[in-house]
Structure formats: structure tokens, C-alpha cells
N, C-alpha and C. Protein backbone atom coordinates (compact mmCIF):
# COMPACT_ATOMS: atom_id res chain seq x y z
N GLN A 1 103.70 84.92 76.88
CA GLN A 1 104.09 84.06 77.97
C GLN A 1 103.52 84.60 79.28
N VAL A 2 102.82 83.74 80.00
CA VAL A 2 102.20 84.11 81.26
C VAL A 2 102.82 83.30 82.39
N GLN A 3 103.12 83.97 83.47
CA GLN A 3 103.68 83.30 84.63
C GLN A 3 103.02 83.81 85.90
N LEU A 4 102.59 82.89 86.75
CA LEU A 4 102.01 83.21 88.04
C LEU A 4 102.82 82.49 89.11
N VAL A 5 103.25 83.22 90.12
CA VAL A 5 104.08 82.65 91.17
C VAL A 5 103.46 82.95 92.52
N GLU A 6 103.04 81.90 93.23
CA GLU A 6 102.48 82.05 94.56
C GLU A 6 103.58 82.01 95.61
N SER A 7 103.33 82.68 96.71
CA SER A 7 104.26 82.65 97.83
C SER A 7 103.49 82.98 99.10
N GLY A 8 104.14 82.78 100.24
CA GLY A 8 103.55 83.15 101.51
C GLY A 8 102.98 82.01 102.32
N GLY A 9 102.99 80.80 101.78
CA GLY A 9 102.49 79.67 102.52
C GLY A 9 103.42 79.29 103.65
N GLY A 10 102.94 78.41 104.50
CA GLY A 10 103.75 77.97 105.62
C GLY A 10 102.93 77.23 106.65
N LEU A 11 103.51 77.11 107.83
CA LEU A 11 102.87 76.43 108.95
C LEU A 11 102.31 77.45 109.92
N VAL A 12 101.03 77.30 110.24
CA VAL A 12 100.34 78.25 111.11
C VAL A 12 99.52 77.50 112.14
N GLN A 13 99.48 78.04 113.34
CA GLN A 13 98.64 77.47 114.38
C GLN A 13 97.18 77.80 114.10
N ALA A 14 96.30 76.88 114.43
CA ALA A 14 94.87 77.12 114.26
C ALA A 14 94.47 78.42 114.93
N GLY A 15 93.67 79.21 114.22
CA GLY A 15 93.27 80.50 114.72
C GLY A 15 94.19 81.62 114.28
N GLY A 16 95.31 81.27 113.71
CA GLY A 16 96.27 82.25 113.26
C GLY A 16 95.96 82.82 111.90
N SER A 17 96.89 83.63 111.39
CA SER A 17 96.70 84.32 110.12
C SER A 17 97.93 84.18 109.24
N LEU A 18 97.69 84.31 107.95
CA LEU A 18 98.76 84.26 106.97
C LEU A 18 98.28 84.95 105.71
N ARG A 19 99.20 85.54 104.97
CA ARG A 19 98.85 86.18 103.72
C ARG A 19 99.60 85.54 102.57
N LEU A 20 98.85 85.10 101.58
CA LEU A 20 99.43 84.55 100.37
C LEU A 20 99.53 85.64 99.32
N SER A 21 100.54 85.53 98.48
CA SER A 21 100.72 86.47 97.38
C SER A 21 100.86 85.71 96.08
N CYS A 22 100.42 86.34 95.02
CA CYS A 22 100.57 85.77 93.68
C CYS A 22 101.03 86.88 92.76
N ALA A 23 102.24 86.75 92.26
CA ALA A 23 102.81 87.73 91.36
C ALA A 23 102.61 87.28 89.92
N ALA A 24 102.09 88.18 89.11
CA ALA A 24 101.80 87.87 87.72
C ALA A 24 102.77 88.60 86.79
N SER A 25 103.15 87.92 85.75
CA SER A 25 104.00 88.54 84.73
C SER A 25 103.60 88.02 83.36
N GLY A 26 104.02 88.74 82.34
CA GLY A 26 103.75 88.32 80.97
C GLY A 26 102.46 88.86 80.38
N ARG A 27 101.67 89.54 81.19
CA ARG A 27 100.43 90.13 80.73
C ARG A 27 100.18 91.47 81.43
N THR A 28 99.21 92.18 80.91
CA THR A 28 98.79 93.41 81.56
C THR A 28 97.89 93.05 82.73
N PHE A 29 98.41 93.19 83.95
CA PHE A 29 97.72 92.74 85.13
C PHE A 29 96.36 93.41 85.31
N SER A 30 96.27 94.67 84.94
CA SER A 30 95.03 95.41 85.12
C SER A 30 93.92 94.91 84.20
N SER A 31 94.23 94.03 83.27
CA SER A 31 93.25 93.51 82.33
C SER A 31 92.82 92.09 82.63
N ILE A 32 93.19 91.56 83.78
CA ILE A 32 92.88 90.17 84.10
C ILE A 32 92.15 90.06 85.43
N ASN A 33 91.22 89.14 85.47
CA ASN A 33 90.58 88.75 86.72
C ASN A 33 91.40 87.64 87.36
N MET A 34 91.44 87.64 88.68
CA MET A 34 92.27 86.68 89.39
C MET A 34 91.44 85.87 90.37
N GLY A 35 91.86 84.64 90.57
CA GLY A 35 91.18 83.77 91.51
C GLY A 35 92.16 82.98 92.35
N TRP A 36 91.69 82.57 93.52
CA TRP A 36 92.43 81.66 94.40
C TRP A 36 91.65 80.37 94.53
N PHE A 37 92.36 79.26 94.40
CA PHE A 37 91.78 77.93 94.55
C PHE A 37 92.66 77.11 95.46
N ARG A 38 92.12 76.01 95.93
CA ARG A 38 92.92 75.10 96.73
C ARG A 38 92.56 73.67 96.39
N GLN A 39 93.53 72.79 96.56
CA GLN A 39 93.30 71.40 96.23
C GLN A 39 94.19 70.51 97.09
N ALA A 40 93.56 69.63 97.82
CA ALA A 40 94.27 68.67 98.65
C ALA A 40 94.41 67.36 97.88
N PRO A 41 95.42 66.57 98.20
CA PRO A 41 95.59 65.29 97.53
C PRO A 41 94.35 64.42 97.64
N GLY A 42 93.91 63.87 96.52
CA GLY A 42 92.74 63.02 96.51
C GLY A 42 91.41 63.74 96.52
N LYS A 43 91.44 65.05 96.51
CA LYS A 43 90.21 65.83 96.51
C LYS A 43 90.16 66.72 95.29
N GLU A 44 88.96 67.16 94.95
CA GLU A 44 88.78 68.04 93.80
C GLU A 44 89.19 69.46 94.14
N ARG A 45 89.53 70.19 93.12
CA ARG A 45 89.89 71.59 93.27
C ARG A 45 88.71 72.37 93.82
N GLU A 46 88.98 73.27 94.73
CA GLU A 46 87.94 74.04 95.40
C GLU A 46 88.16 75.53 95.20
N PHE A 47 87.12 76.22 94.83
CA PHE A 47 87.17 77.66 94.70
C PHE A 47 87.30 78.30 96.07
N VAL A 48 88.12 79.34 96.15
CA VAL A 48 88.32 80.06 97.40
C VAL A 48 87.83 81.50 97.29
N ALA A 49 88.37 82.24 96.33
CA ALA A 49 88.01 83.65 96.17
C ALA A 49 88.40 84.11 94.79
N ALA A 50 87.74 85.17 94.33
CA ALA A 50 88.06 85.75 93.03
C ALA A 50 87.87 87.26 93.10
N ILE A 51 88.58 87.97 92.26
CA ILE A 51 88.52 89.42 92.25
C ILE A 51 88.64 89.91 90.81
N SER A 52 87.85 90.91 90.47
CA SER A 52 87.87 91.46 89.13
C SER A 52 89.09 92.36 88.95
N ALA A 53 89.34 92.73 87.71
CA ALA A 53 90.52 93.53 87.39
C ALA A 53 90.54 94.86 88.13
N THR A 54 89.36 95.42 88.36
CA THR A 54 89.26 96.71 89.02
C THR A 54 88.89 96.60 90.50
N SER A 55 88.77 95.38 91.01
CA SER A 55 88.44 95.09 92.40
C SER A 55 87.01 95.44 92.78
N VAL A 56 86.17 95.74 91.80
CA VAL A 56 84.79 96.09 92.11
C VAL A 56 83.92 94.87 92.34
N THR A 57 84.35 93.72 91.84
CA THR A 57 83.61 92.48 92.03
C THR A 57 84.48 91.47 92.74
N ILE A 58 83.99 90.95 93.85
CA ILE A 58 84.73 89.98 94.65
C ILE A 58 83.80 88.85 95.05
N TYR A 59 84.26 87.62 94.89
CA TYR A 59 83.51 86.44 95.28
C TYR A 59 84.30 85.65 96.31
N TYR A 60 83.58 85.01 97.22
CA TYR A 60 84.19 84.13 98.20
C TYR A 60 83.42 82.83 98.29
N ALA A 61 84.14 81.76 98.54
CA ALA A 61 83.49 80.52 98.87
C ALA A 61 82.86 80.64 100.25
N THR A 62 81.75 79.95 100.45
CA THR A 62 81.07 80.01 101.73
C THR A 62 81.98 79.58 102.87
N SER A 63 82.84 78.62 102.61
CA SER A 63 83.71 78.08 103.64
C SER A 63 84.74 79.07 104.16
N VAL A 64 85.03 80.12 103.40
CA VAL A 64 86.05 81.08 103.81
C VAL A 64 85.50 82.47 104.02
N LYS A 65 84.25 82.70 103.70
CA LYS A 65 83.66 84.02 103.83
C LYS A 65 83.73 84.49 105.29
N GLY A 66 84.18 85.72 105.46
CA GLY A 66 84.34 86.26 106.79
C GLY A 66 85.69 86.00 107.40
N ARG A 67 86.45 85.09 106.82
CA ARG A 67 87.78 84.77 107.34
C ARG A 67 88.88 85.18 106.37
N PHE A 68 88.62 85.02 105.08
CA PHE A 68 89.62 85.33 104.06
C PHE A 68 89.25 86.62 103.34
N THR A 69 90.27 87.34 102.89
CA THR A 69 90.06 88.55 102.13
C THR A 69 90.98 88.55 100.91
N ILE A 70 90.40 88.69 99.74
CA ILE A 70 91.19 88.78 98.52
C ILE A 70 91.35 90.25 98.15
N SER A 71 92.52 90.61 97.69
CA SER A 71 92.78 91.97 97.27
C SER A 71 93.86 91.96 96.20
N ARG A 72 94.07 93.09 95.58
CA ARG A 72 95.10 93.16 94.56
C ARG A 72 95.74 94.53 94.54
N ASP A 73 96.97 94.55 94.10
CA ASP A 73 97.72 95.78 93.92
C ASP A 73 98.19 95.77 92.47
N ASN A 74 97.47 96.47 91.63
CA ASN A 74 97.79 96.43 90.21
C ASN A 74 99.14 97.07 89.88
N ALA A 75 99.57 97.99 90.71
CA ALA A 75 100.87 98.60 90.51
C ALA A 75 101.99 97.59 90.71
N LYS A 76 101.73 96.56 91.53
CA LYS A 76 102.71 95.52 91.80
C LYS A 76 102.43 94.23 91.06
N ASN A 77 101.38 94.22 90.25
CA ASN A 77 100.98 93.01 89.52
C ASN A 77 100.81 91.82 90.45
N THR A 78 100.18 92.06 91.58
CA THR A 78 100.08 91.05 92.62
C THR A 78 98.67 90.97 93.19
N VAL A 79 98.21 89.75 93.42
CA VAL A 79 96.96 89.52 94.11
C VAL A 79 97.28 88.84 95.43
N TYR A 80 96.51 89.17 96.47
CA TYR A 80 96.75 88.66 97.81
C TYR A 80 95.55 87.89 98.33
N LEU A 81 95.84 87.00 99.24
CA LEU A 81 94.79 86.31 99.97
C LEU A 81 95.15 86.36 101.45
N GLN A 82 94.48 87.24 102.17
CA GLN A 82 94.68 87.34 103.61
C GLN A 82 93.79 86.31 104.29
N MET A 83 94.39 85.42 105.04
CA MET A 83 93.67 84.33 105.68
C MET A 83 93.73 84.49 107.18
N ASN A 84 92.58 84.66 107.80
CA ASN A 84 92.48 84.80 109.24
C ASN A 84 91.66 83.66 109.82
N SER A 85 91.76 83.49 111.11
CA SER A 85 91.01 82.45 111.81
C SER A 85 91.16 81.10 111.12
N LEU A 86 92.38 80.75 110.83
CA LEU A 86 92.65 79.54 110.07
C LEU A 86 92.26 78.28 110.84
N LYS A 87 91.77 77.32 110.08
CA LYS A 87 91.33 76.05 110.62
C LYS A 87 92.16 74.93 110.01
N SER A 88 92.16 73.79 110.66
CA SER A 88 92.91 72.66 110.14
C SER A 88 92.43 72.25 108.76
N GLU A 89 91.15 72.41 108.48
CA GLU A 89 90.61 72.04 107.19
C GLU A 89 91.04 72.97 106.07
N ASP A 90 91.69 74.08 106.41
CA ASP A 90 92.25 74.97 105.39
C ASP A 90 93.58 74.45 104.86
N THR A 91 94.10 73.43 105.48
CA THR A 91 95.39 72.87 105.08
C THR A 91 95.31 72.24 103.69
N THR A 92 96.12 72.75 102.80
CA THR A 92 96.20 72.22 101.44
C THR A 92 97.12 73.12 100.63
N VAL A 93 97.19 72.86 99.35
CA VAL A 93 97.96 73.69 98.44
C VAL A 93 97.04 74.73 97.83
N TYR A 94 97.49 75.97 97.81
CA TYR A 94 96.71 77.07 97.27
C TYR A 94 97.30 77.53 95.95
N TYR A 95 96.43 77.76 94.99
CA TYR A 95 96.83 78.16 93.66
C TYR A 95 96.15 79.47 93.27
N CYS A 96 96.86 80.30 92.55
CA CYS A 96 96.22 81.46 91.93
C CYS A 96 96.06 81.19 90.44
N ALA A 97 95.09 81.86 89.85
CA ALA A 97 94.78 81.67 88.45
C ALA A 97 94.24 82.96 87.86
N GLU A 98 94.26 83.04 86.55
CA GLU A 98 93.81 84.25 85.89
C GLU A 98 92.93 83.96 84.68
N ARG A 99 92.11 84.95 84.32
CA ARG A 99 91.32 84.92 83.10
C ARG A 99 91.12 86.34 82.63
N PRO A 100 90.87 86.56 81.34
CA PRO A 100 90.71 87.92 80.83
C PRO A 100 89.56 88.65 81.51
N ALA A 101 89.78 89.91 81.82
CA ALA A 101 88.76 90.70 82.49
C ALA A 101 87.51 90.88 81.64
N ARG A 102 87.66 90.92 80.35
CA ARG A 102 86.52 91.11 79.47
C ARG A 102 85.52 89.96 79.56
N ILE A 103 85.97 88.79 79.98
CA ILE A 103 85.09 87.64 80.09
C ILE A 103 84.29 87.69 81.38
N GLY A 104 84.87 88.23 82.44
CA GLY A 104 84.17 88.37 83.69
C GLY A 104 84.76 87.53 84.81
N VAL A 105 84.27 87.75 86.01
CA VAL A 105 84.72 87.03 87.19
C VAL A 105 83.90 85.75 87.34
N THR A 106 84.56 84.68 87.72
CA THR A 106 83.86 83.41 87.88
C THR A 106 84.42 82.63 89.05
N ARG A 107 83.59 81.74 89.59
CA ARG A 107 84.00 80.84 90.67
C ARG A 107 84.49 79.50 90.14
N SER A 108 84.36 79.28 88.85
CA SER A 108 84.68 78.00 88.24
C SER A 108 86.13 77.96 87.79
N GLY A 109 86.88 77.02 88.33
CA GLY A 109 88.27 76.88 87.94
C GLY A 109 88.46 76.55 86.48
N ALA A 110 87.48 75.90 85.88
CA ALA A 110 87.57 75.53 84.48
C ALA A 110 87.59 76.74 83.57
N GLU A 111 87.18 77.88 84.07
CA GLU A 111 87.12 79.09 83.27
C GLU A 111 88.43 79.86 83.26
N TYR A 112 89.37 79.47 84.09
CA TYR A 112 90.64 80.18 84.19
C TYR A 112 91.67 79.60 83.23
N ASP A 113 92.49 80.47 82.69
CA ASP A 113 93.40 80.09 81.62
C ASP A 113 94.79 79.70 82.10
N TYR A 114 95.28 80.35 83.14
CA TYR A 114 96.64 80.11 83.60
C TYR A 114 96.67 79.92 85.10
N TRP A 115 97.59 79.07 85.53
CA TRP A 115 97.70 78.70 86.93
C TRP A 115 99.13 78.78 87.42
N GLY A 116 99.27 79.12 88.69
CA GLY A 116 100.58 79.07 89.31
C GLY A 116 100.91 77.68 89.78
N GLN A 117 102.08 77.52 90.38
CA GLN A 117 102.56 76.22 90.84
C GLN A 117 102.00 75.84 92.20
N GLY A 118 101.48 76.81 92.93
CA GLY A 118 100.89 76.54 94.22
C GLY A 118 101.83 76.82 95.39
N THR A 119 101.23 77.09 96.53
CA THR A 119 101.98 77.28 97.77
C THR A 119 101.26 76.54 98.88
N GLN A 120 102.01 75.86 99.71
CA GLN A 120 101.44 74.99 100.73
C GLN A 120 101.09 75.76 101.99
N LEU A 121 99.88 75.53 102.48
CA LEU A 121 99.46 76.03 103.78
C LEU A 121 99.18 74.84 104.68
N THR A 122 99.77 74.84 105.85
CA THR A 122 99.53 73.80 106.84
C THR A 122 99.08 74.47 108.13
N VAL A 123 97.91 74.09 108.61
CA VAL A 123 97.37 74.64 109.84
C VAL A 123 97.38 73.55 110.89
N SER A 124 98.10 73.78 111.96
CA SER A 124 98.20 72.81 113.04
C SER A 124 97.19 73.14 114.13
N SER A 125 96.78 72.10 114.84
CA SER A 125 95.83 72.29 115.92
C SER A 125 96.52 72.45 117.26
């Protein structure tokens, strides 16, 4: 049984910062690659960032590079997404997802096996 729970979303003024968290349970966290995605109503799911089990490989979407930072704390079974310089277009629901580390890190949501319920980020102007 795998469970991913996102938290940390909320309402933020444009230019502000927020950190999302995703707590994983039911698996050995150190053996899984993690990703962050976002999806607004009526739009397709968008890749945001991904991190390997050992944090040696990190990918970012072009739209968030330089503003967002993905990290993980394997001792806490948690992956984070630090979001800075937030823009109104960042407003949407953010999801974390996982896949086995042996398969590798990917930007494709279709490659991930388990997903959390999502946490809402709203950026006001």
C-alpha cells in the first residue's frame, strides 16, 4: 500500500514564496524517485520538477527553473517543492508522484505509478 500526502498549499501574493511538502508512506522512500506536477481545470497535467532517490539527479520544467527548488529528506520520507517568485500562472493544484528508483528519473507523468491527492496553490496579483 502506497500513500502520498501533499500539504503546504495556500494563498500567496505574486512574488511571494511557499513550500509544498509530500509525505510518502507504504514504501521504502530511499528507493523511489519523486516528481511534482500541476494541473489546472481544463488543462493537461504539467511537469514541474523531479528528483532521484539519492538527489543526484534533478529536473525542472523551463517555466519554473530558477524559481522552484525540489529537495527531499529521506529520513522524513518527504519531498519538498520550494516555490519562490510566484506568478499568477502558477495557480493550480500541485501533485506529487513516485516511481521506482531503478527505472530512473523522468519528466513524464505517465511514467509515475502513484499520486497524491493534490494541494491547491493560489497566487494573487
